[in-house]
Amino acid sequence: MIRSLGAFCLCMGLAATPVAAQEGRAATSPKKGGTMVINFLGPVTSFSMAEIVRGAQDAVLVGADEVQINISSGGGRVYAARFAVNVLRSLPIRITTVAMSDVGSSAVALFCAGEERYVAPGASVFLHQLTRFAERSVKTARAQEREDEIVRGWYDNMLGQCLADRASMSEIEVYNERDLILDDADILRLGMANKAYSTLNEKRQFGRAINVVPGDLKRIVPDN
């Protein structure tokens, strides 16, 4: 009888354990949400854009609710920027971008991919005609011309989406003819940055920052 009672108590204890364990896990599990930061310093290359995309995809997997990409880049390969922008926009997570210093050429498209966009004091945006010399492959002249039209159309569309008023494109479209540099005041005035930089410190950080710093800049020739 005592043995039977002991077995009964043991069974009751085992039956209760999963509920208690679940309650314990719920009490000690880490909080989800917050902002995962990616620091990007260097040229736009296949490697750097793949690293940014992987960081954003990891942020989705671990439960962050926002990715903040801090950008300092003079630009680089347009096809790599297009890849990163399109992948980032397909992810179920909010993308925030910050122009931390100089942001130029194809890196401007990455900046414009942010739903929330910030510009740091003293930062600038550099626009110039897209040449894509290093991206050209063996194609007929007409095929190459058509490809250039597609790229320019995509880039102009990214810029247009980045402006508070698309009519402001008339002010910046001169980049197709000559170099154009916008300072932080211009970027705010045009609406390219749509949030105040001073509010960034209100965000709750999620995990450690990811640094994407491509190799020796002197050995990487961008093809803006």
C-alpha atoms as a PDB file:
ATOM      1  CA  MET A   1       0.000   0.000   0.000  1.00  0.00           C
ATOM      2  CA  ILE A   2       2.821   2.386   0.894  1.00  0.00           C
ATOM      3  CA  ARG A   3       4.604   1.439  -2.353  1.00  0.00           C
ATOM      4  CA  SER A   4       1.438   2.143  -4.363  1.00  0.00           C
ATOM      5  CA  LEU A   5       0.968   5.508  -2.652  1.00  0.00           C
ATOM      6  CA  GLY A   6       4.577   6.444  -3.391  1.00  0.00           C
ATOM      7  CA  ALA A   7       4.162   5.544  -7.052  1.00  0.00           C
ATOM      8  CA  PHE A   8       0.957   7.607  -7.219  1.00  0.00           C
ATOM      9  CA  CYS A   9       2.690  10.662  -5.743  1.00  0.00           C
ATOM     10  CA  LEU A  10       5.608  10.256  -8.152  1.00  0.00           C
ATOM     11  CA  CYS A  11       3.260  10.144 -11.116  1.00  0.00           C
ATOM     12  CA  MET A  12       1.438  13.240  -9.888  1.00  0.00           C
ATOM     13  CA  GLY A  13       4.751  15.056  -9.510  1.00  0.00           C
ATOM     14  CA  LEU A  14       5.824  14.160 -13.037  1.00  0.00           C
ATOM     15  CA  ALA A  15       2.491  15.286 -14.418  1.00  0.00           C
ATOM     16  CA  ALA A  16       2.874  18.667 -12.722  1.00  0.00           C
ATOM     17  CA  THR A  17       6.472  19.207 -13.815  1.00  0.00           C
ATOM     18  CA  PRO A  18       5.849  20.364 -17.424  1.00  0.00           C
ATOM     19  CA  VAL A  19       3.507  23.147 -16.287  1.00  0.00           C
ATOM     20  CA  ALA A  20       5.928  24.354 -13.642  1.00  0.00           C
ATOM     21  CA  ALA A  21       8.814  24.171 -16.108  1.00  0.00           C
ATOM     22  CA  GLN A  22       6.875  26.152 -18.649  1.00  0.00           C
ATOM     23  CA  GLU A  23       6.073  28.797 -16.063  1.00  0.00           C
ATOM     24  CA  GLY A  24       9.737  28.942 -15.055  1.00  0.00           C
ATOM     25  CA  ARG A  25      10.871  29.298 -18.653  1.00  0.00           C
ATOM     26  CA  ALA A  26       8.322  32.024 -19.299  1.00  0.00           C
ATOM     27  CA  ALA A  27       9.584  33.936 -16.291  1.00  0.00           C
ATOM     28  CA  THR A  28      13.255  33.691 -17.274  1.00  0.00           C
ATOM     29  CA  SER A  29      13.095  33.836 -21.099  1.00  0.00           C
ATOM     30  CA  PRO A  30      14.763  36.906 -22.633  1.00  0.00           C
ATOM     31  CA  LYS A  31      12.549  39.726 -23.829  1.00  0.00           C
ATOM     32  CA  LYS A  32      12.065  39.940 -27.562  1.00  0.00           C
ATOM     33  CA  GLY A  33      11.999  43.060 -29.650  1.00  0.00           C
ATOM     34  CA  GLY A  34      14.296  46.020 -29.842  1.00  0.00           C
ATOM     35  CA  THR A  35      16.714  47.412 -32.418  1.00  0.00           C
ATOM     36  CA  MET A  36      19.558  45.389 -33.931  1.00  0.00           C
ATOM     37  CA  VAL A  37      22.336  47.718 -35.119  1.00  0.00           C
ATOM     38  CA  ILE A  38      24.484  47.125 -38.206  1.00  0.00           C
ATOM     39  CA  ASN A  39      27.453  49.486 -38.666  1.00  0.00           C
ATOM     40  CA  PHE A  40      28.442  49.716 -42.332  1.00  0.00           C
ATOM     41  CA  LEU A  41      31.721  51.483 -43.109  1.00  0.00           C
ATOM     42  CA  GLY A  42      33.228  51.033 -46.549  1.00  0.00           C
ATOM     43  CA  PRO A  43      32.375  50.468 -50.206  1.00  0.00           C
ATOM     44  CA  VAL A  44      29.258  48.797 -51.561  1.00  0.00           C
ATOM     45  CA  THR A  45      30.408  45.383 -52.731  1.00  0.00           C
ATOM     46  CA  SER A  46      28.832  41.948 -53.126  1.00  0.00           C
ATOM     47  CA  PHE A  47      30.435  40.935 -49.832  1.00  0.00           C
ATOM     48  CA  SER A  48      29.370  43.977 -47.812  1.00  0.00           C
ATOM     49  CA  MET A  49      25.769  43.876 -49.061  1.00  0.00           C
ATOM     50  CA  ALA A  50      25.512  40.118 -48.410  1.00  0.00           C
ATOM     51  CA  GLU A  51      26.772  40.717 -44.856  1.00  0.00           C
ATOM     52  CA  ILE A  52      24.197  43.441 -44.237  1.00  0.00           C
ATOM     53  CA  VAL A  53      21.416  41.227 -45.579  1.00  0.00           C
ATOM     54  CA  ARG A  54      22.540  38.296 -43.446  1.00  0.00           C
ATOM     55  CA  GLY A  55      22.612  40.510 -40.366  1.00  0.00           C
ATOM     56  CA  ALA A  56      19.065  41.666 -41.071  1.00  0.00           C
ATOM     57  CA  GLN A  57      17.867  38.115 -41.668  1.00  0.00           C
ATOM     58  CA  ASP A  58      19.466  37.028 -38.389  1.00  0.00           C
ATOM     59  CA  ALA A  59      17.684  39.901 -36.638  1.00  0.00           C
ATOM     60  CA  VAL A  60      14.378  38.469 -37.855  1.00  0.00           C
ATOM     61  CA  LEU A  61      15.278  34.985 -36.619  1.00  0.00           C
ATOM     62  CA  VAL A  62      16.295  36.066 -33.103  1.00  0.00           C
ATOM     63  CA  GLY A  63      13.245  38.257 -32.546  1.00  0.00           C
ATOM     64  CA  ALA A  64      14.360  41.860 -33.046  1.00  0.00           C
ATOM     65  CA  ASP A  65      11.643  44.148 -34.347  1.00  0.00           C
ATOM     66  CA  GLU A  66      13.921  46.652 -36.114  1.00  0.00           C
ATOM     67  CA  VAL A  67      17.248  46.796 -37.942  1.00  0.00           C
ATOM     68  CA  GLN A  68      19.183  50.067 -37.820  1.00  0.00           C
ATOM     69  CA  ILE A  69      21.882  50.396 -40.509  1.00  0.00           C
ATOM     70  CA  ASN A  70      24.451  53.108 -39.739  1.00  0.00           C
ATOM     71  CA  ILE A  71      26.019  54.073 -43.062  1.00  0.00           C
ATOM     72  CA  SER A  72      29.360  55.610 -43.951  1.00  0.00           C
ATOM     73  CA  SER A  73      30.068  54.706 -47.574  1.00  0.00           C
ATOM     74  CA  GLY A  74      31.117  56.465 -50.751  1.00  0.00           C
ATOM     75  CA  GLY A  75      29.218  53.948 -52.860  1.00  0.00           C
ATOM     76  CA  GLY A  76      30.292  51.082 -55.055  1.00  0.00           C
ATOM     77  CA  ARG A  77      28.607  48.427 -57.126  1.00  0.00           C
ATOM     78  CA  VAL A  78      25.078  49.301 -58.126  1.00  0.00           C
ATOM     79  CA  TYR A  79      23.945  45.702 -58.666  1.00  0.00           C
ATOM     80  CA  ALA A  80      25.003  44.841 -55.100  1.00  0.00           C
ATOM     81  CA  ALA A  81      23.055  47.799 -53.709  1.00  0.00           C
ATOM     82  CA  ARG A  82      19.969  46.767 -55.694  1.00  0.00           C
ATOM     83  CA  PHE A  83      20.256  43.262 -54.291  1.00  0.00           C
ATOM     84  CA  ALA A  84      20.495  44.479 -50.702  1.00  0.00           C
ATOM     85  CA  VAL A  85      17.661  47.000 -51.012  1.00  0.00           C
ATOM     86  CA  ASN A  86      15.296  44.454 -52.553  1.00  0.00           C
ATOM     87  CA  VAL A  87      16.072  41.784 -49.966  1.00  0.00           C
ATOM     88  CA  LEU A  88      15.793  44.186 -47.025  1.00  0.00           C
ATOM     89  CA  ARG A  89      12.403  45.371 -48.218  1.00  0.00           C
ATOM     90  CA  SER A  90      11.173  41.789 -48.442  1.00  0.00           C
ATOM     91  CA  LEU A  91      11.920  41.021 -44.785  1.00  0.00           C
ATOM     92  CA  PRO A  92       9.211  41.127 -42.082  1.00  0.00           C
ATOM     93  CA  ILE A  93      11.070  43.706 -40.021  1.00  0.00           C
ATOM     94  CA  ARG A  94      11.301  47.508 -39.915  1.00  0.00           C
ATOM     95  CA  ILE A  95      14.414  48.914 -41.589  1.00  0.00           C
ATOM     96  CA  THR A  96      15.921  52.135 -40.258  1.00  0.00           C
ATOM     97  CA  THR A  97      18.916  53.839 -41.864  1.00  0.00           C
ATOM     98  CA  VAL A  98      21.244  56.529 -40.579  1.00  0.00           C
ATOM     99  CA  ALA A  99      23.631  58.667 -42.644  1.00  0.00           C
ATOM    100  CA  MET A 100      26.480  58.829 -40.147  1.00  0.00           C
ATOM    101  CA  SER A 101      29.037  60.629 -42.323  1.00  0.00           C
ATOM    102  CA  ASP A 102      29.558  60.567 -46.107  1.00  0.00           C
ATOM    103  CA  VAL A 103      26.948  58.587 -48.060  1.00  0.00           C
ATOM    104  CA  GLY A 104      27.487  58.533 -51.807  1.00  0.00           C
ATOM    105  CA  SER A 105      26.227  57.093 -55.070  1.00  0.00           C
ATOM    106  CA  SER A 106      24.846  53.541 -54.705  1.00  0.00           C
ATOM    107  CA  ALA A 107      25.045  53.808 -50.903  1.00  0.00           C
ATOM    108  CA  VAL A 108      22.374  56.531 -51.143  1.00  0.00           C
ATOM    109  CA  ALA A 109      19.947  53.884 -52.411  1.00  0.00           C
ATOM    110  CA  LEU A 110      20.696  51.816 -49.296  1.00  0.00           C
ATOM    111  CA  PHE A 111      20.027  54.876 -47.156  1.00  0.00           C
ATOM    112  CA  CYS A 112      16.711  55.469 -48.953  1.00  0.00           C
ATOM    113  CA  ALA A 113      15.649  51.884 -48.221  1.00  0.00           C
ATOM    114  CA  GLY A 114      14.937  52.866 -44.615  1.00  0.00           C
ATOM    115  CA  GLU A 115      11.362  53.315 -43.471  1.00  0.00           C
ATOM    116  CA  GLU A 116      12.801  55.646 -40.880  1.00  0.00           C
ATOM    117  CA  ARG A 117      15.793  57.702 -41.998  1.00  0.00           C
ATOM    118  CA  TYR A 118      18.118  59.864 -39.891  1.00  0.00           C
ATOM    119  CA  VAL A 119      21.046  62.123 -40.720  1.00  0.00           C
ATOM    120  CA  ALA A 120      23.846  62.836 -38.252  1.00  0.00           C
ATOM    121  CA  PRO A 121      25.260  66.349 -37.811  1.00  0.00           C
ATOM    122  CA  GLY A 122      27.893  67.005 -40.454  1.00  0.00           C
ATOM    123  CA  ALA A 123      26.842  64.067 -42.642  1.00  0.00           C
ATOM    124  CA  SER A 124      26.346  64.498 -46.386  1.00  0.00           C
ATOM    125  CA  VAL A 125      24.858  62.794 -49.435  1.00  0.00           C
ATOM    126  CA  PHE A 126      26.828  62.690 -52.682  1.00  0.00           C
ATOM    127  CA  LEU A 127      24.993  62.140 -55.984  1.00  0.00           C
ATOM    128  CA  HIS A 128      26.573  61.763 -59.392  1.00  0.00           C
ATOM    129  CA  GLN A 129      25.829  60.202 -62.730  1.00  0.00           C
ATOM    130  CA  LEU A 130      25.878  56.420 -62.634  1.00  0.00           C
ATOM    131  CA  THR A 131      28.540  55.137 -65.012  1.00  0.00           C
ATOM    132  CA  ARG A 132      28.764  51.441 -64.065  1.00  0.00           C
ATOM    133  CA  PHE A 133      31.896  50.924 -66.179  1.00  0.00           C
ATOM    134  CA  ALA A 134      33.159  48.024 -64.098  1.00  0.00           C
ATOM    135  CA  GLU A 135      29.769  46.309 -64.197  1.00  0.00           C
ATOM    136  CA  ARG A 136      29.505  46.206 -67.955  1.00  0.00           C
ATOM    137  CA  SER A 137      29.755  42.807 -69.573  1.00  0.00           C
ATOM    138  CA  VAL A 138      29.819  41.652 -73.173  1.00  0.00           C
ATOM    139  CA  LYS A 139      26.421  42.781 -74.454  1.00  0.00           C
ATOM    140  CA  THR A 140      25.173  44.415 -77.581  1.00  0.00           C
ATOM    141  CA  ALA A 141      25.090  48.207 -77.477  1.00  0.00           C
ATOM    142  CA  ARG A 142      21.292  48.204 -77.428  1.00  0.00           C
ATOM    143  CA  ALA A 143      21.128  45.659 -74.588  1.00  0.00           C
ATOM    144  CA  GLN A 144      23.622  47.686 -72.568  1.00  0.00           C
ATOM    145  CA  GLU A 145      21.669  50.865 -73.207  1.00  0.00           C
ATOM    146  CA  ARG A 146      18.477  49.192 -72.030  1.00  0.00           C
ATOM    147  CA  GLU A 147      20.177  47.877 -68.896  1.00  0.00           C
ATOM    148  CA  ASP A 148      21.453  51.359 -68.087  1.00  0.00           C
ATOM    149  CA  GLU A 149      17.926  52.724 -68.493  1.00  0.00           C
ATOM    150  CA  ILE A 150      16.622  50.160 -66.014  1.00  0.00           C
ATOM    151  CA  VAL A 151      19.311  50.978 -63.466  1.00  0.00           C
ATOM    152  CA  ARG A 152      18.823  54.732 -63.779  1.00  0.00           C
ATOM    153  CA  GLY A 153      15.060  54.291 -63.479  1.00  0.00           C
ATOM    154  CA  TRP A 154      15.481  52.192 -60.329  1.00  0.00           C
ATOM    155  CA  TYR A 155      17.898  54.684 -58.798  1.00  0.00           C
ATOM    156  CA  ASP A 156      15.696  57.689 -59.596  1.00  0.00           C
ATOM    157  CA  ASN A 157      12.712  55.854 -58.120  1.00  0.00           C
ATOM    158  CA  MET A 158      14.651  55.200 -54.908  1.00  0.00           C
ATOM    159  CA  LEU A 159      15.529  58.891 -54.699  1.00  0.00           C
ATOM    160  CA  GLY A 160      11.933  59.892 -55.383  1.00  0.00           C
ATOM    161  CA  GLN A 161      10.657  57.647 -52.585  1.00  0.00           C
ATOM    162  CA  CYS A 162      13.203  59.252 -50.278  1.00  0.00           C
ATOM    163  CA  LEU A 163      11.828  62.759 -50.763  1.00  0.00           C
ATOM    164  CA  ALA A 164       8.997  64.338 -48.808  1.00  0.00           C
ATOM    165  CA  ASP A 165       7.689  65.720 -52.106  1.00  0.00           C
ATOM    166  CA  ARG A 166       8.543  64.075 -55.427  1.00  0.00           C
ATOM    167  CA  ALA A 167       8.434  67.521 -56.999  1.00  0.00           C
ATOM    168  CA  SER A 168      11.760  68.099 -55.258  1.00  0.00           C
ATOM    169  CA  MET A 169      13.359  65.736 -57.810  1.00  0.00           C
ATOM    170  CA  SER A 170      13.678  68.797 -60.036  1.00  0.00           C
ATOM    171  CA  GLU A 171      16.137  70.182 -57.497  1.00  0.00           C
ATOM    172  CA  ILE A 172      18.398  67.137 -57.364  1.00  0.00           C
ATOM    173  CA  GLU A 173      18.079  65.570 -60.821  1.00  0.00           C
ATOM    174  CA  VAL A 174      21.013  67.712 -61.952  1.00  0.00           C
ATOM    175  CA  TYR A 175      23.138  64.862 -60.537  1.00  0.00           C
ATOM    176  CA  ASN A 176      22.796  63.295 -64.010  1.00  0.00           C
ATOM    177  CA  GLU A 177      24.868  66.144 -65.404  1.00  0.00           C
ATOM    178  CA  ARG A 178      27.169  67.187 -62.556  1.00  0.00           C
ATOM    179  CA  ASP A 179      28.176  66.101 -59.077  1.00  0.00           C
ATOM    180  CA  LEU A 180      25.814  67.152 -56.311  1.00  0.00           C
ATOM    181  CA  ILE A 181      26.508  67.221 -52.566  1.00  0.00           C
ATOM    182  CA  LEU A 182      23.717  67.704 -50.030  1.00  0.00           C
ATOM    183  CA  ASP A 183      24.582  68.631 -46.451  1.00  0.00           C
ATOM    184  CA  ASP A 184      22.586  67.558 -43.406  1.00  0.00           C
ATOM    185  CA  ALA A 185      20.373  70.664 -43.613  1.00  0.00           C
ATOM    186  CA  ASP A 186      19.545  69.886 -47.271  1.00  0.00           C
ATOM    187  CA  ILE A 187      18.814  66.249 -46.421  1.00  0.00           C
ATOM    188  CA  LEU A 188      16.362  67.288 -43.709  1.00  0.00           C
ATOM    189  CA  ARG A 189      14.761  70.005 -45.822  1.00  0.00           C
ATOM    190  CA  LEU A 190      14.116  67.619 -48.707  1.00  0.00           C
ATOM    191  CA  GLY A 191      12.707  64.979 -46.385  1.00  0.00           C
ATOM    192  CA  MET A 192      15.387  62.420 -47.238  1.00  0.00           C
ATOM    193  CA  ALA A 193      15.786  62.147 -43.470  1.00  0.00           C
ATOM    194  CA  ASN A 194      12.333  61.888 -41.928  1.00  0.00           C
ATOM    195  CA  LYS A 195      13.238  61.512 -38.246  1.00  0.00           C
ATOM    196  CA  ALA A 196      15.210  63.650 -35.812  1.00  0.00           C
ATOM    197  CA  TYR A 197      18.699  62.326 -35.105  1.00  0.00           C
ATOM    198  CA  SER A 198      18.361  63.365 -31.457  1.00  0.00           C
ATOM    199  CA  THR A 199      15.668  60.710 -30.917  1.00  0.00           C
ATOM    200  CA  LEU A 200      17.891  57.753 -31.805  1.00  0.00           C
ATOM    201  CA  ASN A 201      18.973  57.306 -28.186  1.00  0.00           C
ATOM    202  CA  GLU A 202      15.387  56.454 -27.274  1.00  0.00           C
ATOM    203  CA  LYS A 203      15.601  53.117 -29.066  1.00  0.00           C
ATOM    204  CA  ARG A 204      16.090  49.914 -27.063  1.00  0.00           C
ATOM    205  CA  GLN A 205      19.149  48.050 -28.346  1.00  0.00           C
ATOM    206  CA  PHE A 206      18.893  44.349 -29.126  1.00  0.00           C
ATOM    207  CA  GLY A 207      22.111  42.340 -28.774  1.00  0.00           C
ATOM    208  CA  ARG A 208      25.566  43.425 -29.913  1.00  0.00           C
ATOM    209  CA  ALA A 209      26.082  45.555 -33.003  1.00  0.00           C
ATOM    210  CA  ILE A 210      27.211  43.897 -36.230  1.00  0.00           C
ATOM    211  CA  ASN A 211      30.144  45.597 -37.959  1.00  0.00           C
ATOM    212  CA  VAL A 212      30.382  45.332 -41.744  1.00  0.00           C
ATOM    213  CA  VAL A 213      33.756  46.751 -42.748  1.00  0.00           C
ATOM    214  CA  PRO A 214      34.967  45.519 -46.175  1.00  0.00           C
ATOM    215  CA  GLY A 215      38.667  44.908 -46.744  1.00  0.00           C
ATOM    216  CA  ASP A 216      41.380  47.382 -47.634  1.00  0.00           C
ATOM    217  CA  LEU A 217      39.612  50.330 -49.239  1.00  0.00           C
ATOM    218  CA  LYS A 218      42.667  51.115 -51.375  1.00  0.00           C
ATOM    219  CA  ARG A 219      42.330  47.755 -53.134  1.00  0.00           C
ATOM    220  CA  ILE A 220      38.591  48.010 -53.836  1.00  0.00           C
ATOM    221  CA  VAL A 221      37.753  50.110 -56.856  1.00  0.00           C
ATOM    222  CA  PRO A 222      34.094  51.184 -56.769  1.00  0.00           C
ATOM    223  CA  ASP A 223      32.193  51.411 -60.029  1.00  0.00           C
ATOM    224  CA  ASN A 224      29.553  53.967 -59.176  1.00  0.00           C
END
